[in-house]
C-alpha cells in the first residue's frame, strides 16, 4: 500500500477513531507512532518474519523508504 492509498482510505474515516496494530501473539495494540524508515525488500523467507527488514543504521544499504506505524 502506498501513502496516497492510505490517505484515501483514512479520508472516509471518523478522525476520532483509534489506530491499532496487530499484537505480538493475538489481539491489537494502539499505534503509538509513525516514522519514516529505510528498508531492504524481500530479505526474509520464513513465514514467521515479515517479508522486508528495516535497516538498523543510516549507512546500511536499503532498497526504499517507507512509513512504519508502531
N, C-alpha and C. Protein backbone atom coordinates (compact mmCIF):
# COMPACT_ATOMS: atom_id res chain seq x y z
N UNK A 1 0.84 -1.17 0.00
CA UNK A 1 0.00 0.00 0.00
C UNK A 1 0.89 1.24 0.00
N UNK A 2 0.54 2.20 -0.77
CA UNK A 2 1.24 3.48 -0.83
C UNK A 2 0.57 4.48 0.09
N UNK A 3 1.29 5.53 0.48
CA UNK A 3 0.75 6.56 1.36
C UNK A 3 -0.52 7.16 0.76
N UNK A 4 -0.52 7.43 -0.54
CA UNK A 4 -1.70 8.05 -1.15
C UNK A 4 -2.93 7.14 -1.03
N UNK A 5 -2.74 5.81 -1.11
CA UNK A 5 -3.86 4.89 -0.94
C UNK A 5 -4.37 4.90 0.50
N UNK A 6 -3.45 4.94 1.45
CA UNK A 6 -3.83 5.01 2.86
C UNK A 6 -4.58 6.31 3.15
N UNK A 7 -4.12 7.41 2.61
CA UNK A 7 -4.78 8.71 2.82
C UNK A 7 -6.21 8.65 2.30
N UNK A 8 -6.41 8.07 1.13
CA UNK A 8 -7.76 7.98 0.57
C UNK A 8 -8.67 7.15 1.48
N UNK A 9 -8.16 6.06 2.02
CA UNK A 9 -8.96 5.24 2.93
C UNK A 9 -9.26 6.00 4.23
N UNK A 10 -8.26 6.71 4.75
CA UNK A 10 -8.43 7.44 6.01
C UNK A 10 -9.39 8.61 5.87
N UNK A 11 -9.48 9.20 4.68
CA UNK A 11 -10.41 10.31 4.46
C UNK A 11 -11.86 9.90 4.72
N UNK A 12 -12.15 8.61 4.57
CA UNK A 12 -13.50 8.10 4.76
C UNK A 12 -13.82 7.79 6.22
N UNK A 13 -12.83 7.88 7.09
CA UNK A 13 -12.99 7.50 8.49
C UNK A 13 -13.28 8.70 9.39
N UNK A 14 -13.93 8.42 10.49
CA UNK A 14 -14.11 9.40 11.55
C UNK A 14 -12.71 9.73 12.11
N UNK A 15 -12.30 11.00 12.13
CA UNK A 15 -10.95 11.35 12.57
C UNK A 15 -10.71 11.06 14.06
N UNK A 16 -11.75 10.73 14.81
CA UNK A 16 -11.59 10.41 16.23
C UNK A 16 -11.38 8.92 16.47
N UNK A 17 -11.40 8.09 15.42
CA UNK A 17 -11.18 6.66 15.59
C UNK A 17 -9.76 6.37 16.04
N UNK A 18 -9.60 5.33 16.86
CA UNK A 18 -8.29 4.88 17.31
C UNK A 18 -7.60 4.12 16.18
N UNK A 19 -6.28 4.22 16.09
CA UNK A 19 -5.48 3.44 15.14
C UNK A 19 -4.84 2.31 15.93
N UNK A 20 -5.03 1.06 15.46
CA UNK A 20 -4.46 -0.09 16.16
C UNK A 20 -3.57 -0.90 15.22
N UNK A 21 -2.66 -1.65 15.82
CA UNK A 21 -1.77 -2.56 15.08
C UNK A 21 -1.87 -3.94 15.71
N UNK A 22 -1.51 -4.94 14.96
CA UNK A 22 -1.58 -6.32 15.44
C UNK A 22 -0.70 -6.52 16.67
N UNK A 23 -1.20 -7.26 17.64
CA UNK A 23 -0.43 -7.60 18.83
C UNK A 23 0.59 -8.69 18.52
N UNK A 24 1.47 -8.96 19.46
CA UNK A 24 2.53 -9.95 19.25
C UNK A 24 1.98 -11.34 18.99
N UNK A 25 1.15 -11.84 19.86
CA UNK A 25 0.55 -13.16 19.69
C UNK A 25 -0.86 -13.07 19.13
N UNK A 26 -1.65 -12.17 19.71
CA UNK A 26 -3.05 -12.05 19.33
C UNK A 26 -3.54 -10.69 19.80
N UNK A 27 -4.73 -10.32 19.45
CA UNK A 27 -5.27 -9.04 19.87
C UNK A 27 -4.63 -7.88 19.12
N UNK A 28 -4.92 -6.67 19.59
CA UNK A 28 -4.38 -5.47 18.95
C UNK A 28 -3.89 -4.50 20.02
N UNK A 29 -3.00 -3.61 19.62
CA UNK A 29 -2.48 -2.54 20.47
C UNK A 29 -2.72 -1.21 19.77
N UNK A 30 -2.86 -0.16 20.55
CA UNK A 30 -2.99 1.17 19.97
C UNK A 30 -1.65 1.57 19.35
N UNK A 31 -1.69 2.11 18.12
CA UNK A 31 -0.47 2.59 17.48
C UNK A 31 0.08 3.76 18.29
N UNK A 32 1.38 3.77 18.49
CA UNK A 32 2.00 4.81 19.30
C UNK A 32 2.77 5.83 18.49
N UNK A 33 3.19 5.47 17.30
CA UNK A 33 3.95 6.42 16.49
C UNK A 33 3.92 6.02 15.02
N UNK A 34 4.43 6.91 14.20
CA UNK A 34 4.63 6.64 12.77
C UNK A 34 5.94 7.31 12.40
N UNK A 35 6.80 6.58 11.71
CA UNK A 35 8.13 7.11 11.37
C UNK A 35 8.53 6.66 9.98
N UNK A 36 9.31 7.49 9.32
CA UNK A 36 9.86 7.12 8.02
C UNK A 36 11.11 6.28 8.27
N UNK A 37 11.19 5.11 7.60
CA UNK A 37 12.32 4.19 7.79
C UNK A 37 12.86 3.76 6.44
N UNK A 38 14.09 3.27 6.44
CA UNK A 38 14.71 2.69 5.25
C UNK A 38 14.60 1.18 5.37
N UNK A 39 14.21 0.51 4.27
CA UNK A 39 14.04 -0.94 4.33
C UNK A 39 14.74 -1.66 3.19
N UNK A 40 15.12 -2.90 3.46
CA UNK A 40 15.60 -3.84 2.44
C UNK A 40 14.39 -4.70 2.08
N UNK A 41 14.14 -4.86 0.80
CA UNK A 41 12.98 -5.61 0.34
C UNK A 41 13.27 -7.10 0.21
N UNK A 42 12.27 -7.92 0.51
CA UNK A 42 12.28 -9.36 0.25
C UNK A 42 13.49 -10.09 0.81
N UNK A 43 13.85 -9.80 2.06
CA UNK A 43 15.02 -10.45 2.65
C UNK A 43 14.68 -11.63 3.55
N UNK A 44 13.46 -11.73 4.03
CA UNK A 44 13.07 -12.82 4.92
C UNK A 44 12.12 -13.77 4.21
N UNK A 45 12.40 -15.06 4.31
CA UNK A 45 11.55 -16.06 3.66
C UNK A 45 10.77 -16.91 4.67
N UNK A 46 11.15 -16.86 5.94
CA UNK A 46 10.43 -17.63 6.95
C UNK A 46 9.05 -17.02 7.16
N UNK A 47 8.02 -17.86 7.32
CA UNK A 47 6.64 -17.39 7.44
C UNK A 47 6.42 -16.53 8.67
N UNK A 48 7.23 -16.73 9.70
CA UNK A 48 7.02 -16.02 10.96
C UNK A 48 7.73 -14.67 11.01
N UNK A 49 8.45 -14.30 9.96
CA UNK A 49 9.06 -12.97 9.85
C UNK A 49 8.31 -12.16 8.80
N UNK A 50 8.34 -10.86 8.96
CA UNK A 50 7.84 -10.01 7.88
C UNK A 50 8.75 -10.15 6.67
N UNK A 51 8.21 -9.95 5.49
CA UNK A 51 8.98 -10.12 4.25
C UNK A 51 10.16 -9.17 4.16
N UNK A 52 9.99 -7.93 4.62
CA UNK A 52 11.02 -6.90 4.49
C UNK A 52 11.67 -6.64 5.84
N UNK A 53 12.81 -5.92 5.81
CA UNK A 53 13.56 -5.65 7.05
C UNK A 53 13.94 -4.18 7.11
N UNK A 54 13.75 -3.56 8.26
CA UNK A 54 14.18 -2.18 8.48
C UNK A 54 15.69 -2.19 8.67
N UNK A 55 16.40 -1.29 7.99
CA UNK A 55 17.85 -1.21 8.18
C UNK A 55 18.14 -0.59 9.54
N UNK A 56 19.19 -1.07 10.19
CA UNK A 56 19.50 -0.64 11.55
C UNK A 56 20.29 0.66 11.62
N UNK A 57 21.10 0.91 10.61
CA UNK A 57 21.97 2.09 10.64
C UNK A 57 21.80 2.89 9.36
N UNK A 58 22.03 4.19 9.44
CA UNK A 58 21.86 5.05 8.26
C UNK A 58 22.78 4.66 7.11
N UNK A 59 23.96 4.12 7.41
CA UNK A 59 24.92 3.80 6.34
C UNK A 59 24.67 2.44 5.70
N UNK A 60 23.74 1.63 6.24
CA UNK A 60 23.42 0.33 5.65
C UNK A 60 22.71 0.53 4.31
N UNK A 61 22.98 -0.35 3.34
CA UNK A 61 22.27 -0.26 2.07
C UNK A 61 20.78 -0.53 2.27
N UNK A 62 19.94 0.13 1.46
CA UNK A 62 18.50 -0.07 1.54
C UNK A 62 17.90 0.02 0.15
N UNK A 63 16.69 -0.52 0.02
CA UNK A 63 16.01 -0.53 -1.28
C UNK A 63 15.02 0.62 -1.44
N UNK A 64 14.36 1.00 -0.34
CA UNK A 64 13.38 2.08 -0.42
C UNK A 64 13.09 2.60 0.97
N UNK A 65 12.30 3.67 1.03
CA UNK A 65 11.85 4.21 2.31
C UNK A 65 10.36 3.94 2.45
N UNK A 66 9.92 3.83 3.69
CA UNK A 66 8.52 3.51 3.96
C UNK A 66 8.10 4.19 5.27
N UNK A 67 6.81 4.23 5.50
CA UNK A 67 6.28 4.72 6.77
C UNK A 67 6.00 3.50 7.64
N UNK A 68 6.58 3.49 8.84
CA UNK A 68 6.38 2.39 9.79
C UNK A 68 5.44 2.88 10.89
N UNK A 69 4.34 2.18 11.07
CA UNK A 69 3.40 2.52 12.13
C UNK A 69 3.59 1.50 13.24
N UNK A 70 3.94 1.98 14.41
CA UNK A 70 4.24 1.06 15.51
C UNK A 70 3.46 1.38 16.76
